[in-house]
């Protein structure tokens, strides 16, 4: 019987606002998690235990706990010892970094091994860390929560391919669906199948999927999670010269993903090691990851494949947040945690939010969150040399490790900040990434960036001055209306910035007016 889920309100509270006080908090020490997988053991230290954690330290040790497990049902002594030593060393690193909390989780290999509990006890004795051995259901749930934490209200099927198993579950906006499966299709067992012949391995995978993966799990979007599938995304980005080389949010049609996966699955590890974007360490198991992805996509028949850099570890962290914090927007939260501490006046970004609201009639929630992110990041380059600010900001933001953002949205944010720093709309470094935006999206980014540029110039970054002014946009003229108490500088620079905004909007006339005095008639 399916487990009943507590019903949430149809319109859950999802605040879209900047909070400088929260962004400036310094009482959030780093958080660490040790992930004991079937092939490797990884330590990840995040900068905070919160909604938009940034990886601060990432290291792994190849313990290969699942190697030989099918034959002996136990973890080999050498791999057992290597695991204990790795976790002990990782605990020492985490303690030295001053983490507030450290968790340890284990997956398929320790779950299946007859000496898995013994290994957990040895790790606890040596490192003081209590290992939580996850069930297949827990592994599927946390991997799916990782996707939920990393995207803007995702709906689709999540597949997490680890070293020993493949978990598949549903992501439904803010929760994990009731349907899930755990399959013996991790990188190591599939690699063993392939050693007996490619065609035989393909048939064996298809039989497992046909028998154990219900077609009811099929959705238009499939989210691949796991190191092998991330490596496949990196290889594809290199092969096609993708304009944004970020795995998270990288999107392909299912057909294109299958074509590439089929090609990679037949390559030797030697040839793969020489392939751009593929590390030597990944070359051995990449054909197994590619073959599994091809067969899963054939079985589920999604329309699109959206790769996720977030999975079990991030989902485990997310599951321990309060509902209030879970409902914070991940992009907005990440943007303000990065942008506001770097700003000269962090509170100015909050004033930019209402000031730019009138620029876009009928703004959707998805568009508003991008505008808030741009406002939060609007002063990140003030320390840079003026001539470098536009280009450097664009390049930096294009591939910054934000979450909750698609590749075109990355380009929008980077383009808007580029315009804020007086970047030319035809600058050569905008290509080829700018092609990910439609003409209307490019125009929108230019308008937002030019409006923020104007706001900083005439107000000097002072919130009270900005608050006393507003923009009035008419069909043939744009006015900057300023209260006389604000004493906005009537300078050529302010007029030039206003003209740039007018040009982006597509009107010819612009003027600065005192709203305490009668406005001159338009003619």
Protein backbone atom coordinates (compact mmCIF):
# COMPACT_ATOMS: atom_id res chain seq x y z
CA UNK A 1 0.00 0.00 0.00
CA UNK A 2 1.35 3.45 -0.91
CA UNK A 3 2.38 5.56 2.06
CA UNK A 4 0.02 8.48 2.65
CA UNK A 5 1.54 11.91 2.27
CA UNK A 6 0.49 14.90 4.30
CA UNK A 7 -1.26 17.27 1.91
CA UNK A 8 0.31 20.69 1.51
CA UNK A 9 -1.68 23.84 0.68
CA UNK A 10 -2.10 24.23 -3.08
CA UNK A 11 -0.31 27.56 -3.00
CA UNK A 12 2.53 27.05 -0.56
CA UNK A 13 4.30 30.14 0.74
CA UNK A 14 7.40 30.71 -1.40
CA UNK A 15 8.83 34.09 -0.53
CA UNK A 16 10.62 35.96 -3.32
CA UNK A 17 12.55 38.71 -1.59
CA UNK A 18 16.04 39.77 -0.62
CA UNK A 19 17.05 39.69 3.03
CA UNK A 20 20.38 41.49 3.64
CA UNK A 21 20.39 40.52 7.32
CA UNK A 22 20.20 36.82 6.51
CA UNK A 23 22.80 37.16 3.77
CA UNK A 24 25.23 38.87 6.14
CA UNK A 25 24.95 36.24 8.86
CA UNK A 26 28.33 34.94 9.95
CA UNK A 27 27.10 32.37 12.47
CA UNK A 28 26.75 29.53 9.97
CA UNK A 29 29.87 27.36 10.11
CA UNK A 30 30.51 24.76 7.40
CA UNK A 31 28.72 21.40 7.18
CA UNK A 32 30.29 18.09 6.10
CA UNK A 33 28.96 14.79 4.83
CA UNK A 34 30.84 11.55 4.13
CA UNK A 35 29.20 9.46 1.41
CA UNK A 36 30.36 5.82 1.49
CA UNK A 37 29.45 4.49 -1.92
CA UNK A 38 29.99 1.19 -3.68
CA UNK A 39 32.95 2.46 -5.69
CA UNK A 40 34.24 5.53 -3.86
CA UNK A 41 34.06 7.33 -0.54
CA UNK A 42 33.62 11.09 -0.77
CA UNK A 43 33.93 13.96 1.67
CA UNK A 44 32.02 17.11 0.81
CA UNK A 45 32.27 20.20 2.99
CA UNK A 46 29.72 22.94 2.28
CA UNK A 47 30.11 26.55 3.31
CA UNK A 48 26.93 26.35 5.39
CA UNK A 49 24.02 24.19 6.45
CA UNK A 50 21.37 26.06 4.48
CA UNK A 51 19.23 26.38 1.35
CA UNK A 52 21.97 27.24 -1.13
CA UNK A 53 25.11 25.46 0.09
CA UNK A 54 28.30 26.06 -1.88
CA UNK A 55 30.88 23.23 -2.02
CA UNK A 56 33.95 24.35 -0.09
CA UNK A 57 35.97 21.13 -0.19
CA UNK A 58 35.46 17.97 -2.24
CA UNK A 59 37.65 14.88 -2.15
CA UNK A 60 37.16 11.19 -2.74
CA UNK A 61 38.96 7.93 -2.13
CA UNK A 62 38.49 4.91 -4.39
CA UNK A 63 37.71 2.09 -1.96
CA UNK A 64 35.78 -0.15 -4.42
CA UNK A 65 33.73 -1.76 -1.66
CA UNK A 66 31.49 -3.56 -4.17
CA UNK A 67 34.38 -5.21 -6.03
CA UNK A 68 34.00 -8.98 -5.63
CA UNK A 69 30.88 -8.54 -3.52
CA UNK A 70 28.69 -10.59 -5.87
CA UNK A 71 30.97 -13.62 -5.51
CA UNK A 72 31.81 -13.49 -1.80
CA UNK A 73 28.87 -11.46 -0.36
CA UNK A 74 31.43 -9.67 1.82
CA UNK A 75 33.64 -6.59 1.44
CA UNK A 76 37.23 -7.69 0.80
CA UNK A 77 39.74 -7.09 3.65
CA UNK A 78 41.84 -4.64 1.60
CA UNK A 79 38.80 -2.55 0.67
CA UNK A 80 37.50 -2.77 4.24
CA UNK A 81 40.78 -1.36 5.57
CA UNK A 82 40.92 1.34 2.89
CA UNK A 83 37.42 2.50 3.80
CA UNK A 84 38.23 2.82 7.51
CA UNK A 85 41.40 4.79 6.75
CA UNK A 86 39.64 7.10 4.29
CA UNK A 87 36.82 7.99 6.70
CA UNK A 88 39.29 8.54 9.56
CA UNK A 89 41.28 10.95 7.39
CA UNK A 90 38.13 12.72 6.18
CA UNK A 91 36.95 13.18 9.76
CA UNK A 92 40.27 14.83 10.66
CA UNK A 93 39.98 17.20 7.67
CA UNK A 94 36.40 18.13 8.54
CA UNK A 95 37.29 18.79 12.19
CA UNK A 96 40.22 20.97 11.13
CA UNK A 97 37.83 23.01 8.95
CA UNK A 98 35.61 23.70 11.94
CA UNK A 99 32.42 22.08 10.64
CA UNK A 100 29.29 22.49 12.74
CA UNK A 101 28.03 19.02 11.90
CA UNK A 102 29.29 15.96 10.06
CA UNK A 103 27.11 13.09 8.83
CA UNK A 104 28.10 9.76 7.29
CA UNK A 105 25.84 7.73 5.01
CA UNK A 106 26.42 4.45 3.18
CA UNK A 107 24.63 2.95 0.21
CA UNK A 108 24.36 -0.28 -1.78
CA UNK A 109 27.68 -2.02 -0.98
CA UNK A 110 27.41 -1.74 2.79
CA UNK A 111 23.69 -2.45 2.57
CA UNK A 112 24.29 -5.77 0.78
CA UNK A 113 27.55 -6.91 2.34
CA UNK A 114 27.40 -9.49 5.12
CA UNK A 115 30.13 -7.53 6.91
CA UNK A 116 28.56 -4.12 6.27
CA UNK A 117 27.54 -3.66 9.94
CA UNK A 118 31.03 -4.72 10.99
CA UNK A 119 32.53 -2.05 8.72
CA UNK A 120 30.16 0.57 10.16
CA UNK A 121 31.30 -0.40 13.68
CA UNK A 122 34.98 -0.21 12.69
CA UNK A 123 34.50 3.23 11.15
CA UNK A 124 32.77 4.47 14.28
CA UNK A 125 35.53 3.06 16.50
CA UNK A 126 38.29 4.70 14.43
CA UNK A 127 36.67 8.03 13.53
CA UNK A 128 33.84 8.52 15.98
CA UNK A 129 31.40 8.78 13.07
CA UNK A 130 28.18 6.79 13.24
CA UNK A 131 27.38 5.54 9.73
CA UNK A 132 23.77 5.51 8.60
CA UNK A 133 23.32 2.63 6.15
CA UNK A 134 20.52 3.75 3.85
CA UNK A 135 17.80 1.47 2.55
CA UNK A 136 17.04 1.50 -1.17
CA UNK A 137 13.95 3.62 -0.48
CA UNK A 138 15.99 6.16 1.51
CA UNK A 139 18.65 6.32 -1.17
CA UNK A 140 16.01 7.00 -3.85
CA UNK A 141 14.31 9.60 -1.65
CA UNK A 142 17.46 11.56 -0.79
CA UNK A 143 18.70 11.55 -4.40
CA UNK A 144 15.33 12.90 -5.54
CA UNK A 145 15.32 15.53 -2.79
CA UNK A 146 18.70 16.60 -4.15
CA UNK A 147 17.08 17.33 -7.51
CA UNK A 148 14.16 19.07 -5.81
CA UNK A 149 16.63 21.26 -3.89
CA UNK A 150 18.61 22.09 -7.01
CA UNK A 151 15.93 23.08 -9.52
CA UNK A 152 13.00 25.49 -9.63
CA UNK A 153 9.96 23.33 -8.83
CA UNK A 154 11.00 20.27 -10.89
CA UNK A 155 8.56 17.64 -12.13
CA UNK A 156 10.02 14.49 -13.64
CA UNK A 157 11.78 11.20 -12.96
CA UNK A 158 15.12 11.10 -11.17
CA UNK A 159 17.66 8.35 -11.84
CA UNK A 160 20.66 8.10 -9.50
CA UNK A 161 23.32 5.71 -10.82
CA UNK A 162 25.94 4.88 -8.25
CA UNK A 163 28.66 2.30 -8.14
CA UNK A 164 26.40 -0.54 -6.98
CA UNK A 165 22.80 0.33 -7.84
CA UNK A 166 20.41 2.55 -9.76
CA UNK A 167 17.58 4.27 -7.87
CA UNK A 168 14.66 5.79 -9.77
CA UNK A 169 11.91 7.92 -8.21
CA UNK A 170 9.53 10.79 -8.97
CA UNK A 171 10.20 14.46 -8.26
CA UNK A 172 6.89 16.30 -7.97
CA UNK A 173 7.55 19.99 -7.31
CA UNK A 174 8.32 20.04 -3.57
CA UNK A 175 8.09 16.35 -2.68
CA UNK A 176 9.12 12.83 -3.68
CA UNK A 177 6.44 10.69 -5.27
CA UNK A 178 5.34 7.35 -3.85
CA UNK A 179 6.73 5.26 -6.72
CA UNK A 180 10.40 4.28 -6.64
CA UNK A 181 12.65 1.33 -7.53
CA UNK A 182 16.18 0.23 -6.69
CA UNK A 183 17.85 -1.80 -9.43
CA UNK A 184 21.18 -3.72 -9.55
CA UNK A 185 22.40 -1.47 -12.35
CA UNK A 186 25.25 0.44 -10.78
CA UNK A 187 28.49 1.08 -12.64
CA UNK A 188 30.30 -1.98 -11.24
CA UNK A 189 27.61 -4.63 -11.93
CA UNK A 190 26.96 -3.22 -15.41
CA UNK A 191 30.71 -3.22 -16.05
CA UNK A 192 30.74 -6.91 -15.08
CA UNK A 193 27.85 -7.58 -17.48
CA UNK A 194 29.74 -5.85 -20.31
CA UNK A 195 32.79 -8.02 -19.73
CA UNK A 196 30.69 -10.95 -20.97
CA UNK A 197 29.85 -9.12 -24.21
CA UNK A 198 28.14 -5.90 -25.25
CA UNK A 199 25.00 -7.43 -26.74
CA UNK A 200 24.52 -9.77 -23.80
CA UNK A 201 24.87 -6.87 -21.35
CA UNK A 202 22.30 -4.83 -23.27
CA UNK A 203 19.82 -7.72 -23.19
CA UNK A 204 20.41 -8.27 -19.48
CA UNK A 205 19.83 -4.57 -18.66
CA UNK A 206 16.67 -4.52 -20.79
CA UNK A 207 15.34 -7.60 -18.99
CA UNK A 208 15.90 -5.98 -15.57
CA UNK A 209 14.21 -2.77 -16.68
CA UNK A 210 11.28 -4.60 -18.27
CA UNK A 211 10.79 -6.69 -15.14
CA UNK A 212 11.34 -4.05 -12.43
CA UNK A 213 10.88 -0.52 -13.81
CA UNK A 214 7.16 0.26 -14.22
CA UNK A 215 6.19 2.36 -17.22
CA UNK A 216 4.01 4.37 -14.82
CA UNK A 217 7.22 6.16 -13.78
CA UNK A 218 7.58 7.64 -17.27
CA UNK A 219 7.59 11.46 -17.36
CA UNK A 220 8.54 14.06 -20.01
CA UNK A 221 11.73 14.98 -18.10
CA UNK A 222 14.43 12.60 -16.87
CA UNK A 223 17.01 13.91 -14.37
CA UNK A 224 20.26 11.85 -14.38
CA UNK A 225 22.22 11.97 -11.11
CA UNK A 226 25.60 10.42 -10.27
CA UNK A 227 29.25 10.76 -11.18
CA UNK A 228 29.13 8.55 -14.26
CA UNK A 229 26.26 10.47 -15.81
CA UNK A 230 27.84 13.81 -14.89
CA UNK A 231 30.99 12.65 -16.70
CA UNK A 232 28.89 11.78 -19.73
CA UNK A 233 27.40 15.30 -19.72
CA UNK A 234 30.88 16.84 -19.53
CA UNK A 235 32.05 14.74 -22.48
CA UNK A 236 29.04 15.81 -24.54
CA UNK A 237 29.57 19.50 -23.71
CA UNK A 238 33.14 19.21 -24.99
CA UNK A 239 32.08 17.27 -28.09
CA UNK A 240 29.54 19.89 -29.18
CA UNK A 241 31.40 22.95 -27.82
CA UNK A 242 28.48 23.84 -25.55
CA UNK A 243 28.30 27.60 -24.88
CA UNK A 244 27.87 27.04 -21.13
CA UNK A 245 30.02 24.26 -19.69
CA UNK A 246 28.10 23.62 -16.47
CA UNK A 247 26.71 20.14 -15.80
CA UNK A 248 23.85 21.29 -13.57
CA UNK A 249 20.88 22.06 -15.75
CA UNK A 250 22.56 20.87 -18.96
CA UNK A 251 19.64 19.83 -21.17
CA UNK A 252 19.46 17.53 -24.17
CA UNK A 253 16.65 15.99 -26.14
CA UNK A 254 16.26 12.32 -25.23
CA UNK A 255 17.22 11.40 -28.79
CA UNK A 256 20.47 13.35 -28.69
CA UNK A 257 21.33 11.91 -25.27
CA UNK A 258 20.72 8.37 -26.51
CA UNK A 259 22.80 8.87 -29.66
CA UNK A 260 25.76 10.12 -27.66
CA UNK A 261 25.38 7.46 -24.95
CA UNK A 262 25.32 4.68 -27.54
CA UNK A 263 28.50 6.00 -29.15
CA UNK A 264 30.34 6.27 -25.81
CA UNK A 265 29.20 2.84 -24.62
CA UNK A 266 31.16 1.20 -27.44
CA UNK A 267 34.43 3.06 -26.87
CA UNK A 268 37.38 1.49 -25.09
CA UNK A 269 38.65 2.97 -21.82
CA UNK A 270 41.92 3.86 -23.57
CA UNK A 271 40.11 5.87 -26.23
CA UNK A 272 37.84 7.49 -23.66
CA UNK A 273 40.81 8.56 -21.52
CA UNK A 274 42.05 10.57 -24.53
CA UNK A 275 38.61 12.14 -25.08
CA UNK A 276 38.23 15.82 -24.08
CA UNK A 277 36.18 16.19 -20.91
CA UNK A 278 36.83 12.62 -19.68
CA UNK A 279 39.23 12.00 -16.80
CA UNK A 280 41.39 8.89 -16.77
CA UNK A 281 39.70 7.77 -13.57
CA UNK A 282 36.24 7.92 -15.17
CA UNK A 283 37.23 6.23 -18.44
CA UNK A 284 36.87 2.73 -17.03
CA UNK A 285 33.23 2.97 -15.90
CA UNK A 286 31.91 5.53 -18.42
CA UNK A 287 30.82 2.92 -21.03
CA UNK A 288 28.70 1.23 -18.33
CA UNK A 289 27.11 4.56 -17.38
CA UNK A 290 26.46 5.36 -21.05
CA UNK A 291 24.90 1.99 -21.84
CA UNK A 292 22.63 2.18 -18.78
CA UNK A 293 21.45 5.68 -19.66
CA UNK A 294 20.65 4.61 -23.22
CA UNK A 295 18.55 1.65 -22.06
CA UNK A 296 16.74 3.61 -19.32
CA UNK A 297 15.81 6.34 -21.81
CA UNK A 298 14.63 3.74 -24.30
CA UNK A 299 12.42 2.20 -21.60
CA UNK A 300 10.97 5.40 -20.08
CA UNK A 301 10.78 7.44 -23.33
CA UNK A 302 11.13 10.97 -21.88
CA UNK A 303 11.26 14.04 -24.10
CA UNK A 304 14.16 15.77 -22.37
CA UNK A 305 17.17 14.90 -20.24
CA UNK A 306 18.25 17.48 -17.64
CA UNK A 307 21.49 16.62 -15.81
CA UNK A 308 21.73 17.34 -12.10
CA UNK A 309 24.93 18.03 -10.18
CA UNK A 310 22.99 17.64 -6.95
CA UNK A 311 21.94 14.28 -5.58
CA UNK A 312 21.97 12.18 -2.45
CA UNK A 313 24.32 14.33 -0.37
CA UNK A 314 22.48 17.57 -1.09
CA UNK A 315 19.13 15.83 -0.63
CA UNK A 316 20.20 14.54 2.78
CA UNK A 317 21.15 18.09 3.82
CA UNK A 318 17.91 19.51 2.38
CA UNK A 319 15.81 16.96 4.27
CA UNK A 320 17.07 18.36 7.57
CA UNK A 321 16.09 21.97 6.84
CA UNK A 322 12.90 23.48 8.17
CA UNK A 323 10.02 23.73 5.70
CA UNK A 324 10.37 27.50 5.83
CA UNK A 325 13.98 27.26 4.66
CA UNK A 326 13.23 24.57 2.09
CA UNK A 327 10.74 26.95 0.48
CA UNK A 328 13.33 29.69 0.00
CA UNK A 329 14.19 30.08 -3.68
CA UNK A 330 17.60 28.42 -4.26
CA UNK A 331 18.72 30.87 -6.97
CA UNK A 332 17.72 34.00 -5.07
CA UNK A 333 19.22 32.65 -1.87
CA UNK A 334 22.51 31.77 -3.55
CA UNK A 335 22.69 35.09 -5.40
CA UNK A 336 22.21 37.15 -2.27
CA UNK A 337 24.59 35.02 -0.19
CA UNK A 338 27.28 35.72 -2.80
CA UNK A 339 26.34 39.21 -3.95
CA UNK A 340 25.27 41.13 -0.85
CA UNK A 341 28.40 40.54 1.29
CA UNK A 342 30.49 41.80 -1.66
CA UNK A 343 28.39 44.94 -2.17
CA UNK A 344 29.38 48.39 -0.91
CA UNK A 345 25.87 48.91 0.50
CA UNK A 346 24.11 45.52 0.80
CA UNK A 347 20.74 47.18 1.53
CA UNK A 348 20.81 48.93 -1.85
CA UNK A 349 19.96 45.68 -3.65
CA UNK A 350 16.73 45.43 -1.66
CA UNK A 351 15.76 48.93 -2.83
CA UNK A 352 16.50 47.97 -6.43
CA UNK A 353 13.83 45.26 -6.30
CA UNK A 354 10.76 47.57 -6.05
CA UNK A 355 12.50 50.25 -8.13
CA UNK A 356 12.86 47.91 -11.14
CA UNK A 357 9.43 46.29 -10.73
CA UNK A 358 7.67 48.71 -13.09
CA UNK A 359 10.01 47.87 -15.98
CA UNK A 360 8.17 44.72 -16.97
CA UNK A 361 4.40 44.51 -17.17
CA UNK A 362 2.90 41.10 -16.40
CA UNK A 363 6.10 39.70 -14.88
CA UNK A 364 5.83 36.00 -13.95
CA UNK A 365 7.25 34.45 -10.78
CA UNK A 366 9.96 32.76 -12.88
CA UNK A 367 10.95 36.14 -14.35
CA UNK A 368 10.81 37.90 -10.99
CA UNK A 369 13.28 35.49 -9.42
CA UNK A 370 15.78 36.29 -12.18
CA UNK A 371 15.31 40.01 -11.59
CA UNK A 372 15.91 39.56 -7.84
CA UNK A 373 19.05 37.53 -8.52
CA UNK A 374 20.39 40.27 -10.80
CA UNK A 375 19.65 42.93 -8.14
CA UNK A 376 21.50 40.84 -5.54
CA UNK A 377 24.56 40.51 -7.80
CA UNK A 378 24.54 44.09 -9.07
CA UNK A 379 27.59 45.32 -7.11
CA UNK A 380 29.90 42.30 -7.24
CA UNK A 381 32.55 43.91 -9.46
CA UNK A 382 33.06 47.35 -7.90
CA UNK A 383 36.60 46.43 -6.84
CA UNK A 384 37.59 45.37 -10.39
CA UNK A 385 39.26 47.67 -12.90
CA UNK A 386 36.46 49.62 -14.67
CA UNK A 387 37.45 48.42 -18.14
CA UNK A 388 37.24 44.77 -17.03
CA UNK A 389 34.03 44.79 -15.03
CA UNK A 390 31.58 43.96 -17.82
CA UNK A 391 33.53 41.14 -19.44
CA UNK A 392 34.81 39.59 -16.21
CA UNK A 393 31.37 39.66 -14.58
CA UNK A 394 29.79 38.04 -17.62
CA UNK A 395 32.34 35.21 -17.75
CA UNK A 396 32.25 34.65 -13.98
CA UNK A 397 28.46 34.53 -13.65
CA UNK A 398 27.99 32.36 -16.72
CA UNK A 399 29.55 29.36 -14.98
CA UNK A 400 29.16 30.24 -11.31
CA UNK A 401 27.88 27.26 -9.23
CA UNK A 402 24.36 28.64 -8.75
CA UNK A 403 21.50 26.17 -8.38
CA UNK A 404 17.83 26.53 -9.29
CA UNK A 405 18.78 27.95 -12.68
CA UNK A 406 18.73 26.75 -16.31
CA UNK A 407 21.49 27.48 -18.80
CA UNK A 408 19.49 30.21 -20.60
CA UNK A 409 18.73 31.77 -17.21
CA UNK A 410 22.46 31.80 -16.45
CA UNK A 411 23.02 33.69 -19.68
CA UNK A 412 20.21 36.14 -18.79
CA UNK A 413 21.75 36.95 -15.39
CA UNK A 414 25.26 37.30 -16.83
CA UNK A 415 23.98 39.49 -19.69
CA UNK A 416 22.03 41.78 -17.36
CA UNK A 417 25.07 42.31 -15.10
CA UNK A 418 27.19 42.86 -18.22
CA UNK A 419 24.77 45.66 -19.25
CA UNK A 420 24.84 47.06 -15.71
CA UNK A 421 28.61 47.53 -16.11
CA UNK A 422 28.19 49.41 -19.43
CA UNK A 423 28.96 46.35 -21.55
CA UNK A 424 28.13 46.72 -25.23
CA UNK A 425 25.24 44.52 -26.43
CA UNK A 426 27.39 43.43 -29.40
CA UNK A 427 30.53 42.61 -27.36
CA UNK A 428 32.27 39.58 -28.96
CA UNK A 429 32.61 37.62 -25.70
CA UNK A 430 28.82 37.40 -25.36
CA UNK A 431 28.83 34.80 -28.13
CA UNK A 432 28.05 31.97 -28.40
CA UNK A 433 26.25 31.93 -25.01
CA UNK A 434 23.96 34.84 -25.93
CA UNK A 435 22.37 32.63 -28.61
CA UNK A 436 20.64 30.68 -25.83
CA UNK A 437 18.38 33.72 -25.28
CA UNK A 438 15.47 34.71 -27.48
CA UNK A 439 15.50 38.29 -28.83
CA UNK A 440 12.89 39.33 -26.24
CA UNK A 441 14.97 37.82 -23.42
CA UNK A 442 18.07 39.66 -24.63
CA UNK A 443 16.12 42.92 -24.66
CA UNK A 444 14.77 42.25 -21.19
CA UNK A 445 18.28 41.61 -19.84
CA UNK A 446 19.57 44.82 -21.44
CA UNK A 447 16.72 46.89 -19.99
CA UNK A 448 17.22 45.49 -16.49
CA UNK A 449 20.99 45.97 -16.58
CA UNK A 450 20.75 49.55 -17.92
CA UNK A 451 18.13 50.47 -15.31
CA UNK A 452 20.39 49.22 -12.50
CA UNK A 453 23.34 51.09 -14.02
CA UNK A 454 21.27 54.27 -13.94
CA UNK A 455 20.15 53.62 -10.36
CA UNK A 456 23.73 53.33 -9.08
CA UNK A 457 24.89 56.36 -11.02
CA UNK A 458 22.31 58.91 -9.94
CA UNK A 459 21.88 57.68 -6.35
CA UNK A 460 25.50 56.96 -5.52
CA UNK A 461 24.33 53.63 -4.14
CA UNK A 462 22.39 55.36 -1.35
CA UNK A 463 19.04 53.60 -0.65
CA UNK A 464 17.28 56.79 0.53
CA UNK A 465 18.09 58.60 -2.72
CA UNK A 466 16.88 55.71 -4.85
CA UNK A 467 13.69 55.46 -2.81
CA UNK A 468 12.84 59.08 -3.60
CA UNK A 469 12.96 58.54 -7.37
CA UNK A 470 11.03 56.55 -9.94
CA UNK A 471 11.04 55.74 -13.62
CA UNK A 472 8.14 56.75 -15.84
CA UNK A 473 8.03 55.04 -19.21
CA UNK A 474 5.74 56.49 -21.89
CA UNK A 475 5.50 55.37 -25.53
CA UNK A 476 7.84 58.11 -26.76
CA UNK A 477 9.77 59.20 -23.65
CA UNK A 478 11.36 57.83 -20.49
CA UNK A 479 11.64 60.08 -17.46
CA UNK A 480 13.69 59.74 -14.31
CA UNK A 481 11.50 61.53 -11.78
CA UNK A 482 13.40 62.61 -8.68
CA UNK A 483 12.22 64.37 -5.54
CA UNK A 484 14.08 67.63 -5.02
CA UNK A 485 15.13 66.51 -1.54
CA UNK A 486 17.23 63.78 -3.13
CA UNK A 487 19.22 66.33 -5.12
CA UNK A 488 20.01 63.97 -7.97
CA UNK A 489 23.05 65.20 -9.88
CA UNK A 490 22.08 66.87 -13.15
CA UNK A 491 25.18 65.58 -14.84
CA UNK A 492 26.06 64.43 -18.32
CA UNK A 493 26.85 60.97 -16.94
CA UNK A 494 23.33 60.52 -15.51
CA UNK A 495 21.82 61.74 -18.78
CA UNK A 496 23.99 59.33 -20.75
CA UNK A 497 22.96 56.41 -18.53
CA UNK A 498 19.31 57.36 -18.99
CA UNK A 499 19.83 57.45 -22.76
CA UNK A 500 21.30 53.94 -22.63
CA UNK A 501 18.16 52.74 -20.85
CA UNK A 502 15.94 54.55 -23.37
CA UNK A 503 17.83 52.88 -26.21
CA UNK A 504 17.37 49.45 -24.63
CA UNK A 505 13.63 50.08 -24.21
CA UNK A 506 13.33 51.51 -27.71
CA UNK A 507 12.24 55.11 -27.06
CA UNK A 508 14.01 58.20 -28.40
CA UNK A 509 13.49 60.81 -25.69
CA UNK A 510 14.72 60.78 -22.11
CA UNK A 511 14.88 63.40 -19.37
CA UNK A 512 15.50 63.90 -15.67
CA UNK A 513 12.71 65.85 -13.96
CA UNK A 514 11.96 67.18 -10.50
CA UNK A 515 8.69 65.58 -9.37
CA UNK A 516 8.11 68.45 -6.93
CA UNK A 517 7.85 70.82 -9.88
CA UNK A 518 5.38 70.79 -12.82
CA UNK A 519 6.50 68.49 -15.62
CA UNK A 520 7.13 70.14 -18.98
CA UNK A 521 4.63 69.11 -21.68
CA UNK A 522 5.64 66.34 -24.06
CA UNK A 523 5.83 67.48 -27.66
